[in-house]
Amino acid sequence: MHRNLLIFCVVVLFVGAIIALSIRSVESQSDRVQRGKYLVEAVAACGYCHTPRAGAEYNMNMYLAGHPAGQAYPRYNFSMMQQGIFTLTSPQMSAFSGPFGTSFASNLTPDKETGLGEWTEEMFIGAMRTGLHQGVEGNRAILPPMPVKHYAQMNDEDLKAIWAYLKTIKPVKNEVNPPLNQRGRPY
């Protein structure tokens, strides 16, 4: 009888420990998502470029969905340098053209076809560290105005928090144009 009571107590303690660890894990994941939201919205300011604008207001139906598919984009002409013009932007403030070519704010939503839905955390962190698409050597560079050199200095916990938050936002199907080189051709 004492043996059965002892086994029962051990099982209860074991189950209790698992439940406590699970609750702590959920709380820490929630904390990580909240930290990611803070970083995305206040520190890294991802929405400034990745959420297109409708006039002066952000189009929140396209929150972090990148440059709207099919929308016009600026085209830089090297003669603009003589006029002191080095960068042009689209009316949505989500496409940029300059001597580097034309870049389009990418879709950061977890949409599996057009966003980061098929990416892994490692790919995201690799992209932020290397400035290469999906963080893969041999892939195209992430073009200006993306401040990759600044994001590369963020610690792993902050990048993981950003990733955790991005996985929780509403997926938006929006096929963003590929970046264009100085001649207007895809990289």
Protein backbone atom coordinates (compact mmCIF):
# COMPACT_ATOMS: atom_id res chain seq x y z
CA MET A 1 0.00 0.00 0.00
CA HIS A 2 2.79 2.43 0.87
CA ARG A 3 4.50 1.48 -2.35
CA ASN A 4 1.35 2.33 -4.38
CA LEU A 5 1.07 5.65 -2.57
CA LEU A 6 4.72 6.40 -3.31
CA ILE A 7 4.26 5.56 -7.01
CA PHE A 8 1.12 7.70 -7.12
CA CYS A 9 2.98 10.67 -5.57
CA VAL A 10 5.91 10.32 -8.00
CA VAL A 11 3.51 10.22 -10.96
CA VAL A 12 1.62 13.28 -9.68
CA LEU A 13 4.91 15.19 -9.19
CA PHE A 14 6.12 14.16 -12.64
CA VAL A 15 2.87 15.24 -14.35
CA GLY A 16 2.88 18.47 -12.33
CA ALA A 17 6.44 19.24 -13.45
CA ILE A 18 5.52 18.65 -17.10
CA ILE A 19 2.49 20.93 -16.78
CA ALA A 20 4.56 23.64 -15.06
CA LEU A 21 7.24 23.47 -17.76
CA SER A 22 4.59 23.59 -20.49
CA ILE A 23 2.95 26.66 -18.94
CA ARG A 24 6.34 28.36 -18.62
CA SER A 25 7.13 27.50 -22.24
CA VAL A 26 3.82 28.99 -23.41
CA GLU A 27 4.41 32.11 -21.31
CA SER A 28 7.96 32.51 -22.66
CA GLN A 29 6.71 32.04 -26.23
CA SER A 30 4.05 34.68 -25.58
CA ASP A 31 6.75 36.97 -24.15
CA ARG A 32 8.90 36.33 -27.24
CA VAL A 33 6.01 37.21 -29.58
CA GLN A 34 5.30 40.41 -27.64
CA ARG A 35 8.99 41.35 -27.78
CA GLY A 36 8.95 40.64 -31.51
CA LYS A 37 5.93 42.88 -31.99
CA TYR A 38 7.69 45.68 -30.12
CA LEU A 39 10.82 45.24 -32.24
CA VAL A 40 8.89 45.09 -35.54
CA GLU A 41 6.69 48.08 -34.78
CA ALA A 42 8.97 50.36 -32.75
CA VAL A 43 12.65 49.50 -33.11
CA ALA A 44 13.18 47.88 -36.50
CA ALA A 45 10.20 49.83 -37.93
CA CYS A 46 9.52 47.12 -40.54
CA GLY A 47 6.11 48.56 -41.39
CA TYR A 48 7.61 51.83 -42.67
CA CYS A 49 8.53 50.05 -45.89
CA HIS A 50 6.77 46.66 -45.78
CA THR A 51 3.26 48.06 -45.14
CA PRO A 52 2.16 50.03 -48.22
CA ARG A 53 0.50 53.36 -47.75
CA ALA A 54 -2.74 54.68 -49.10
CA GLY A 55 -1.97 58.38 -49.11
CA ALA A 56 -0.44 59.30 -45.77
CA GLU A 57 -2.04 56.35 -43.94
CA TYR A 58 -0.79 52.79 -43.80
CA ASN A 59 -2.99 50.27 -45.58
CA MET A 60 -3.49 47.93 -42.62
CA ASN A 61 -5.19 45.35 -44.85
CA MET A 62 -1.69 44.93 -46.30
CA TYR A 63 0.15 44.93 -42.95
CA LEU A 64 3.73 43.85 -43.70
CA ALA A 65 2.64 42.40 -47.07
CA GLY A 66 5.18 44.38 -49.11
CA HIS A 67 4.79 46.30 -52.32
CA PRO A 68 1.32 45.64 -53.78
CA ALA A 69 1.33 43.28 -56.75
CA GLY A 70 0.78 45.00 -60.06
CA GLN A 71 1.28 48.52 -58.71
CA ALA A 72 3.52 51.02 -60.48
CA TYR A 73 7.06 51.47 -59.29
CA PRO A 74 9.69 54.16 -59.81
CA ARG A 75 12.36 53.91 -62.49
CA TYR A 76 15.67 55.55 -61.84
CA ASN A 77 17.59 57.29 -64.60
CA PHE A 78 21.31 57.91 -64.03
CA SER A 79 20.95 61.46 -65.35
CA MET A 80 19.03 62.17 -62.13
CA MET A 81 22.37 62.16 -60.27
CA GLN A 82 23.24 65.46 -61.94
CA GLN A 83 20.12 66.90 -60.32
CA GLY A 84 21.08 65.51 -56.90
CA ILE A 85 18.42 62.79 -57.00
CA PHE A 86 19.70 59.45 -55.73
CA THR A 87 16.56 57.54 -54.75
CA LEU A 88 12.97 57.45 -55.93
CA THR A 89 10.06 55.80 -54.16
CA SER A 90 6.61 54.64 -55.16
CA PRO A 91 3.50 56.46 -53.86
CA GLN A 92 2.96 53.50 -51.49
CA MET A 93 6.51 54.03 -50.10
CA SER A 94 7.15 50.33 -50.71
CA ALA A 95 9.28 50.30 -53.90
CA PHE A 96 12.59 52.10 -54.28
CA SER A 97 14.78 52.84 -57.27
CA GLY A 98 18.28 54.24 -57.42
CA PRO A 99 21.77 53.49 -58.77
CA PHE A 100 21.49 50.05 -57.09
CA GLY A 101 18.45 49.10 -59.22
CA THR A 102 14.85 48.80 -58.06
CA SER A 103 13.88 47.04 -54.85
CA PHE A 104 10.45 46.12 -53.62
CA ALA A 105 9.54 45.69 -49.95
CA SER A 106 8.96 41.97 -49.60
CA ASN A 107 5.96 40.19 -48.13
CA LEU A 108 6.79 39.44 -44.49
CA THR A 109 3.47 37.76 -43.74
CA PRO A 110 3.34 33.99 -43.18
CA ASP A 111 1.55 33.40 -46.51
CA LYS A 112 2.97 30.10 -47.81
CA GLU A 113 2.95 31.07 -51.50
CA THR A 114 3.98 34.72 -51.49
CA GLY A 115 5.36 35.49 -48.04
CA LEU A 116 7.67 33.93 -45.46
CA GLY A 117 5.41 30.92 -44.87
CA GLU A 118 7.89 28.42 -46.28
CA TRP A 119 10.91 30.04 -44.66
CA THR A 120 12.51 28.67 -41.51
CA GLU A 121 13.76 30.65 -38.54
CA GLU A 122 17.29 29.80 -39.65
CA MET A 123 16.66 31.24 -43.14
CA PHE A 124 15.26 34.45 -41.65
CA ILE A 125 18.16 34.92 -39.26
CA GLY A 126 20.60 34.05 -42.05
CA ALA A 127 19.05 36.69 -44.32
CA MET A 128 19.35 39.32 -41.59
CA ARG A 129 22.96 38.34 -40.85
CA THR A 130 24.26 37.98 -44.42
CA GLY A 131 22.07 40.36 -46.42
CA LEU A 132 21.35 37.51 -48.83
CA HIS A 133 17.87 36.28 -49.81
CA GLN A 134 16.90 33.41 -47.48
CA GLY A 135 20.38 33.67 -45.93
CA VAL A 136 21.77 31.36 -48.60
CA GLU A 137 25.18 31.97 -50.12
CA GLY A 138 24.85 32.46 -53.86
CA ASN A 139 21.37 34.00 -53.57
CA ARG A 140 20.80 37.62 -54.57
CA ALA A 141 21.62 40.44 -52.20
CA ILE A 142 18.87 42.20 -50.30
CA LEU A 143 18.90 45.68 -51.81
CA PRO A 144 18.67 49.14 -50.27
CA PRO A 145 16.99 50.72 -48.49
CA MET A 146 16.87 47.59 -46.29
CA PRO A 147 19.37 48.38 -43.52
CA VAL A 148 20.80 44.87 -43.35
CA LYS A 149 24.04 46.04 -41.73
CA HIS A 150 22.03 47.35 -38.80
CA TYR A 151 19.85 44.25 -38.45
CA ALA A 152 22.93 42.01 -38.71
CA GLN A 153 24.05 43.46 -35.38
CA MET A 154 20.87 42.40 -33.56
CA ASN A 155 21.31 39.51 -31.15
CA ASP A 156 19.84 36.09 -31.88
CA GLU A 157 17.11 36.45 -29.24
CA ASP A 158 15.80 39.65 -30.84
CA LEU A 159 15.85 38.13 -34.33
CA LYS A 160 14.06 35.04 -33.00
CA ALA A 161 11.48 37.30 -31.35
CA ILE A 162 10.87 39.14 -34.63
CA TRP A 163 10.49 35.79 -36.39
CA ALA A 164 8.08 34.54 -33.73
CA TYR A 165 5.92 37.65 -34.14
CA LEU A 166 5.94 37.50 -37.96
CA LYS A 167 4.62 33.93 -37.77
CA THR A 168 1.55 35.20 -35.84
CA ILE A 169 0.35 37.97 -38.16
CA LYS A 170 -2.38 37.58 -40.76
CA PRO A 171 -1.11 35.94 -43.97
CA VAL A 172 -1.67 38.17 -47.01
CA LYS A 173 -1.41 36.76 -50.51
CA ASN A 174 0.65 39.36 -52.38
CA GLU A 175 3.21 38.38 -55.00
CA VAL A 176 5.87 41.08 -54.81
CA ASN A 177 7.95 41.85 -57.91
CA PRO A 178 11.51 40.52 -57.94
CA PRO A 179 14.22 43.17 -57.53
CA LEU A 180 15.53 44.71 -60.74
CA ASN A 181 19.09 45.55 -61.66
CA GLN A 182 20.20 48.95 -62.99
CA ARG A 183 18.95 48.02 -66.47
CA GLY A 184 15.50 47.08 -65.20
CA ARG A 185 16.01 43.31 -65.48
CA PRO A 186 15.45 40.84 -62.63
CA TYR A 187 18.57 39.92 -60.68
